[in-house]
Protein backbone atom coordinates (compact mmCIF):
# COMPACT_ATOMS: atom_id res chain seq x y z
CA MET A 1 94.34 -104.42 -48.81
CA SER A 2 95.99 -103.44 -45.80
CA SER A 3 99.55 -104.16 -45.42
CA SER A 4 100.52 -106.70 -41.92
CA PRO A 5 102.36 -104.71 -39.06
CA LYS A 6 105.06 -106.57 -39.82
CA SER A 7 105.35 -105.82 -43.17
CA ARG A 8 104.60 -101.43 -41.37
CA SER A 9 107.50 -102.43 -39.25
CA SER A 10 110.11 -103.22 -41.98
CA ASN A 11 108.85 -100.24 -43.87
CA GLN A 12 109.16 -97.88 -41.47
CA ALA A 13 112.89 -99.23 -40.73
CA ARG A 14 114.28 -98.91 -44.36
CA LEU A 15 112.43 -95.23 -44.36
CA ARG A 16 114.66 -94.54 -41.43
CA LYS A 17 117.73 -96.38 -42.95
CA THR A 18 116.96 -94.17 -45.90
CA ALA A 19 116.75 -90.73 -43.92
CA LEU A 20 119.54 -91.14 -42.05
CA ARG A 21 122.13 -91.71 -44.90
CA LEU A 22 124.88 -89.43 -43.31
CA ALA A 23 124.60 -91.33 -39.59
CA GLY A 24 127.84 -91.11 -38.05
CA LEU A 25 129.41 -88.50 -40.01
CA ARG A 26 130.66 -85.23 -38.02
CA VAL A 27 129.82 -82.13 -39.82
CA LEU A 28 131.60 -79.07 -38.97
CA VAL A 29 129.60 -76.01 -40.81
CA THR A 30 131.58 -72.48 -41.52
CA ARG A 31 128.49 -70.44 -42.26
CA THR A 32 127.48 -67.08 -40.43
CA ARG A 33 125.50 -67.50 -36.82
CA LYS A 34 122.65 -66.61 -38.26
CA GLN A 35 122.75 -68.73 -41.26
CA ALA A 36 124.15 -71.66 -40.36
CA GLY A 37 120.71 -73.19 -39.30
CA THR A 38 119.29 -74.32 -42.25
CA LEU A 39 122.17 -76.31 -43.73
CA SER A 40 122.58 -77.60 -40.09
CA ALA A 41 119.15 -78.99 -40.05
CA MET A 42 119.30 -80.11 -43.84
CA LEU A 43 122.55 -82.16 -42.56
CA ARG A 44 120.94 -83.57 -39.31
CA GLN A 45 117.97 -84.64 -41.30
CA GLN A 46 120.12 -86.94 -42.98
CA GLY A 47 122.10 -88.12 -39.31
CA ALA A 48 124.82 -86.47 -39.57
CA ALA A 49 126.55 -84.74 -36.49
CA VAL A 50 126.57 -81.45 -37.36
CA ARG A 51 128.83 -78.49 -35.01
CA GLU A 52 128.59 -75.01 -36.11
CA VAL A 53 131.49 -72.53 -36.03
CA PRO A 54 131.56 -69.50 -38.09
CA THR A 55 134.76 -68.50 -39.93
CA ILE A 56 132.71 -65.03 -40.80
CA GLU A 57 131.15 -62.28 -39.61
CA ILE A 58 128.48 -60.07 -41.76
CA ARG A 59 129.19 -56.29 -40.26
CA PRO A 60 127.86 -53.09 -41.58
CA PRO A 61 130.67 -51.59 -44.33
CA GLN A 62 132.69 -48.59 -43.20
CA SER A 63 130.14 -46.32 -44.36
CA TRP A 64 126.76 -46.12 -45.44
CA SER A 65 126.87 -43.07 -47.99
CA LYS A 66 127.14 -44.29 -51.51
CA LEU A 67 124.41 -47.01 -50.68
CA ASP A 68 122.40 -44.80 -49.53
CA GLU A 69 122.62 -41.80 -51.90
CA ALA A 70 122.29 -44.55 -54.50
CA LEU A 71 118.76 -45.65 -53.14
CA ARG A 72 118.08 -42.01 -52.69
CA ARG A 73 118.64 -41.81 -56.78
CA HIS A 74 117.14 -45.14 -57.58
CA GLU A 75 114.81 -43.50 -60.49
CA ASP A 76 118.11 -43.13 -62.48
CA PHE A 77 118.84 -46.79 -62.53
CA ASP A 78 117.72 -49.47 -64.84
CA TRP A 79 119.31 -52.45 -63.33
CA LEU A 80 119.73 -53.71 -59.46
CA ILE A 81 121.98 -56.49 -59.48
CA LEU A 82 122.28 -58.50 -55.97
CA THR A 83 124.71 -60.85 -55.49
CA SER A 84 123.70 -62.41 -51.52
CA VAL A 85 120.82 -62.50 -48.91
CA ASN A 86 122.53 -60.40 -46.99
CA GLY A 87 122.89 -57.91 -49.72
CA VAL A 88 119.03 -58.01 -49.91
CA GLU A 89 118.96 -57.55 -46.32
CA ALA A 90 121.27 -54.70 -46.22
CA LEU A 91 119.45 -52.55 -48.53
CA ALA A 92 116.28 -53.68 -46.85
CA ALA A 93 117.07 -51.75 -43.82
CA ARG A 94 118.74 -48.93 -45.53
CA CYS A 95 115.68 -48.79 -47.46
CA ARG A 96 113.75 -48.49 -43.64
CA ARG A 97 116.30 -46.28 -42.69
CA LEU A 98 115.94 -43.91 -45.74
CA ARG A 99 111.86 -44.65 -45.02
CA LEU A 100 111.65 -45.62 -48.44
CA PRO A 101 109.19 -48.55 -49.32
CA VAL A 102 111.02 -51.58 -51.45
CA MET A 103 108.06 -51.17 -53.75
CA LYS A 104 109.72 -48.22 -54.89
CA LEU A 105 112.33 -49.96 -56.67
CA LYS A 106 109.44 -52.12 -59.16
CA HIS A 107 110.68 -49.90 -62.19
CA LEU A 108 114.31 -51.71 -61.98
CA LYS A 109 114.81 -54.67 -63.99
CA ILE A 110 116.39 -57.17 -60.92
CA ALA A 111 118.91 -59.49 -61.21
CA ALA A 112 119.67 -62.19 -58.13
CA ILE A 113 122.40 -64.36 -58.48
CA GLY A 114 120.07 -67.50 -56.83
CA PRO A 115 117.55 -68.97 -55.35
CA ALA A 116 117.93 -67.75 -52.39
CA THR A 117 118.68 -64.49 -53.29
CA ARG A 118 115.15 -64.57 -55.09
CA LYS A 119 113.37 -65.87 -52.07
CA ALA A 120 114.58 -62.78 -50.17
CA LEU A 121 113.69 -60.14 -52.28
CA GLU A 122 110.38 -61.88 -53.29
CA GLU A 123 109.25 -62.17 -49.37
CA ARG A 124 109.53 -58.41 -49.35
CA GLY A 125 107.43 -57.78 -52.34
CA VAL A 126 110.52 -57.29 -55.32
CA LYS A 127 109.97 -59.05 -58.16
CA VAL A 128 113.19 -60.70 -60.09
CA ASP A 129 113.14 -60.84 -63.44
CA ILE A 130 116.30 -62.75 -63.67
CA VAL A 131 118.64 -65.79 -61.62
CA PRO A 132 121.19 -67.36 -63.61
CA SER A 133 120.90 -70.87 -64.16
CA GLU A 134 124.41 -71.65 -62.66
CA TYR A 135 124.70 -68.54 -59.13
CA VAL A 136 128.08 -67.69 -59.83
CA ALA A 137 129.04 -63.96 -61.26
CA GLU A 138 129.92 -65.54 -64.70
CA ALA A 139 126.40 -67.17 -65.02
CA VAL A 140 125.06 -63.56 -64.14
CA VAL A 141 126.74 -61.40 -66.84
CA GLU A 142 126.27 -63.97 -69.44
CA LYS A 143 122.51 -63.32 -68.84
CA LEU A 144 123.07 -59.48 -68.82
CA GLN A 145 125.48 -59.16 -71.58
CA HIS A 146 123.21 -58.66 -74.43
CA LYS A 147 120.52 -56.47 -72.17
CA VAL A 148 122.68 -53.10 -70.27
CA LYS A 149 124.27 -51.28 -73.16
CA GLY A 150 123.71 -48.03 -72.28
CA LYS A 151 121.85 -48.60 -69.11
CA ARG A 152 122.87 -47.31 -65.72
CA VAL A 153 123.18 -50.58 -63.30
CA LEU A 154 123.30 -50.74 -59.71
CA LEU A 155 125.33 -53.27 -58.25
CA VAL A 156 124.63 -54.07 -53.86
CA ARG A 157 127.48 -56.38 -52.56
CA ALA A 158 129.82 -56.97 -50.12
CA ALA A 159 133.14 -55.05 -49.57
CA VAL A 160 135.44 -57.32 -50.90
CA ALA A 161 134.21 -59.19 -54.21
CA ARG A 162 135.35 -60.94 -57.04
CA ASP A 163 135.34 -57.97 -59.93
CA VAL A 164 133.59 -59.59 -62.71
CA ILE A 165 130.39 -58.35 -62.97
CA PRO A 166 131.39 -54.45 -63.19
CA ARG A 167 134.27 -55.12 -65.49
CA LYS A 168 132.19 -57.35 -67.96
CA LEU A 169 129.42 -55.41 -67.64
CA LYS A 170 130.91 -52.22 -67.92
CA GLU A 171 132.59 -53.98 -71.16
CA ALA A 172 129.24 -54.91 -72.71
CA GLY A 173 128.18 -50.76 -72.59
CA ALA A 174 126.99 -50.57 -69.22
CA GLU A 175 126.86 -47.56 -66.84
CA VAL A 176 127.59 -49.78 -63.39
CA THR A 177 127.91 -48.02 -60.18
CA VAL A 178 128.86 -50.55 -57.29
CA THR A 179 127.79 -49.77 -53.23
CA GLU A 180 128.92 -51.85 -50.01
CA ALA A 181 125.92 -53.27 -48.31
CA TYR A 182 127.97 -55.52 -46.03
CA ARG A 183 131.85 -56.57 -45.14
CA THR A 184 133.04 -59.77 -43.63
CA VAL A 185 135.32 -60.06 -40.87
CA VAL A 186 136.95 -63.26 -38.53
CA PRO A 187 135.45 -63.70 -35.08
CA ALA A 188 138.11 -64.31 -33.35
CA SER A 189 136.23 -66.62 -30.45
CA SER A 190 136.45 -68.87 -33.24
CA ARG A 191 139.75 -69.73 -33.39
CA ARG A 192 139.69 -70.98 -29.92
CA LYS A 193 137.05 -73.26 -30.63
CA LEU A 194 138.53 -75.16 -34.19
CA GLN A 195 141.74 -75.48 -32.45
CA SER A 196 140.16 -77.71 -29.77
CA ILE A 197 138.06 -79.09 -32.01
CA PHE A 198 140.75 -79.87 -34.35
CA SER A 199 143.02 -81.17 -31.39
CA ASN A 200 140.55 -84.01 -29.65
CA PRO A 201 140.18 -87.30 -32.46
CA GLN A 202 136.99 -88.00 -30.83
CA ARG A 203 135.26 -84.59 -31.80
CA ARG A 204 137.52 -83.62 -35.01
CA PRO A 205 134.82 -83.42 -38.32
CA HIS A 206 135.31 -85.84 -41.29
CA VAL A 207 133.61 -83.15 -43.21
CA VAL A 208 134.21 -79.29 -43.19
CA THR A 209 131.41 -77.19 -45.45
CA PHE A 210 132.77 -74.11 -47.35
CA THR A 211 129.92 -71.70 -48.49
CA SER A 212 131.85 -69.20 -49.82
CA SER A 213 135.47 -67.91 -50.38
CA SER A 214 135.57 -65.93 -47.40
CA THR A 215 134.45 -68.87 -45.13
CA VAL A 216 137.99 -70.60 -46.56
CA ARG A 217 140.04 -67.85 -46.49
CA ASN A 218 139.29 -67.34 -43.24
CA PHE A 219 139.32 -71.02 -42.20
CA HIS A 220 142.74 -70.63 -43.26
CA GLU A 221 143.54 -68.22 -41.40
CA LEU A 222 141.84 -68.94 -38.35
CA MET A 223 143.68 -72.80 -38.62
CA ARG A 224 147.41 -70.95 -38.54
CA GLY A 225 149.77 -72.53 -36.07
CA VAL A 226 147.14 -76.15 -35.55
CA ASN A 227 149.55 -79.50 -36.04
CA LYS A 228 148.78 -79.99 -40.31
CA ASN A 229 148.41 -83.53 -39.19
CA ARG A 230 145.30 -82.67 -37.32
CA ILE A 231 143.66 -81.43 -40.96
CA GLN A 232 144.84 -85.00 -42.90
CA GLY A 233 142.37 -86.93 -43.77
CA VAL A 234 139.25 -84.08 -43.08
CA ALA A 235 137.27 -83.94 -46.14
CA THR A 236 136.06 -80.54 -47.68
CA ALA A 237 132.85 -79.98 -48.82
CA SER A 238 132.26 -76.70 -51.42
CA VAL A 239 129.49 -75.19 -52.60
CA GLY A 240 130.44 -74.70 -56.01
CA PRO A 241 133.32 -73.48 -58.44
CA VAL A 242 134.52 -70.47 -56.80
CA THR A 243 134.64 -71.76 -53.75
CA SER A 244 136.39 -74.65 -54.68
CA SER A 245 139.36 -72.48 -56.65
CA THR A 246 139.78 -71.01 -53.60
CA LEU A 247 140.15 -74.26 -51.57
CA ARG A 248 142.90 -75.14 -54.13
CA GLU A 249 144.86 -71.55 -53.48
CA CYS A 250 144.94 -72.01 -49.90
CA GLY A 251 146.35 -75.32 -50.29
CA TYR A 252 143.44 -78.31 -49.27
CA ARG A 253 141.64 -80.70 -52.23
CA VAL A 254 138.51 -79.89 -52.68
CA ASP A 255 136.64 -83.73 -52.39
CA MET A 256 133.35 -82.68 -52.92
CA GLN A 257 131.08 -80.04 -54.89
CA ALA A 258 127.89 -79.19 -55.14
CA ARG A 259 126.55 -80.06 -58.57
CA GLU A 260 123.65 -77.07 -57.63
CA TYR A 261 125.52 -73.99 -56.19
CA THR A 262 122.53 -74.19 -53.01
CA MET A 263 122.27 -75.29 -49.44
CA PRO A 264 120.60 -78.46 -50.84
CA GLY A 265 123.30 -78.92 -52.98
CA LEU A 266 125.66 -79.18 -51.01
CA VAL A 267 123.51 -81.57 -48.93
CA LYS A 268 122.90 -84.03 -51.80
CA ALA A 269 126.98 -83.53 -53.13
CA ILE A 270 127.69 -85.05 -48.85
CA VAL A 271 125.47 -87.43 -49.31
CA ARG A 272 126.96 -88.82 -52.85
CA TRP A 273 130.51 -88.92 -51.75
CA ARG A 274 129.94 -90.36 -48.44
CA ARG A 275 127.51 -93.27 -50.45
CA SER A 276 130.24 -93.47 -52.77
CA ALA A 277 133.75 -92.84 -51.12
CA PRO A 278 136.13 -96.27 -51.25
CA ASP A 279 138.40 -94.66 -48.43
CA TRP A 280 135.58 -94.05 -46.12
CA GLU A 281 136.51 -96.55 -43.27
CA ALA A 282 140.55 -95.67 -44.12
CA LEU A 283 139.59 -92.00 -43.50
CA ARG A 284 138.13 -92.68 -40.52
CA ARG A 285 141.87 -94.91 -39.48
CA ARG A 286 143.49 -91.70 -40.15
CA GLN A 287 141.42 -89.80 -37.42
CA ASN A 288 141.99 -92.58 -35.25
CA ILE A 289 138.42 -93.06 -34.65
């Protein structure tokens, strides 16, 4: 039996209401300009008003020599570890530059830190052997520490990164080569944009998202000189425990953290917070909205 027009209209209204669980919420996305789109689109699908101001910019390393050398002697390695999509993209670009088909790496066992990194590899025809259940360095180590004794491991990562993976794998008996695939810098133009946004109560975000420790540290640097009162009442959303730890080190509280350390997980955390935060109206009043 078909439903009545009134019933269909009511169902559609309920669906629209469910789909706009972040309606009225202003969210600041601090990812790189290239990578912000995915997170922003998911937030907008939930009804959020999104503003993108990148606090990190991806640049090539000071030198490609160490990565190029490692790729030229790829047959010397047993394992390849990639910790980000940026690392995958840099690796693929250098392979093209060296006229080395990525498929030449198929003899390697490959570990990716999370689903986005795995997807980036698989899109290039590379099979991924290990993805930890939690997308942090410690979980990579836990997965690999009993597999790498006496093995040669190539770790492709950012110029500045935690030393958990190389240190722990060396302790487990691996020979680890660390190569820089990219570096992150502070976008100079973002300082003026952030200061403008936070100085205007009608534009000031309710939530700022942080997707890495670099986004936190650079945000902190860019916000130097901004009246602290303008940051009060703005909630922070963290993609995972490492990012949360950096937020606390920089003097910020962590209002919400993704249970799954991914962009969809981050959006879900914001939706949960928006639905359950008892001080939502107080937050709006503190921001003079």
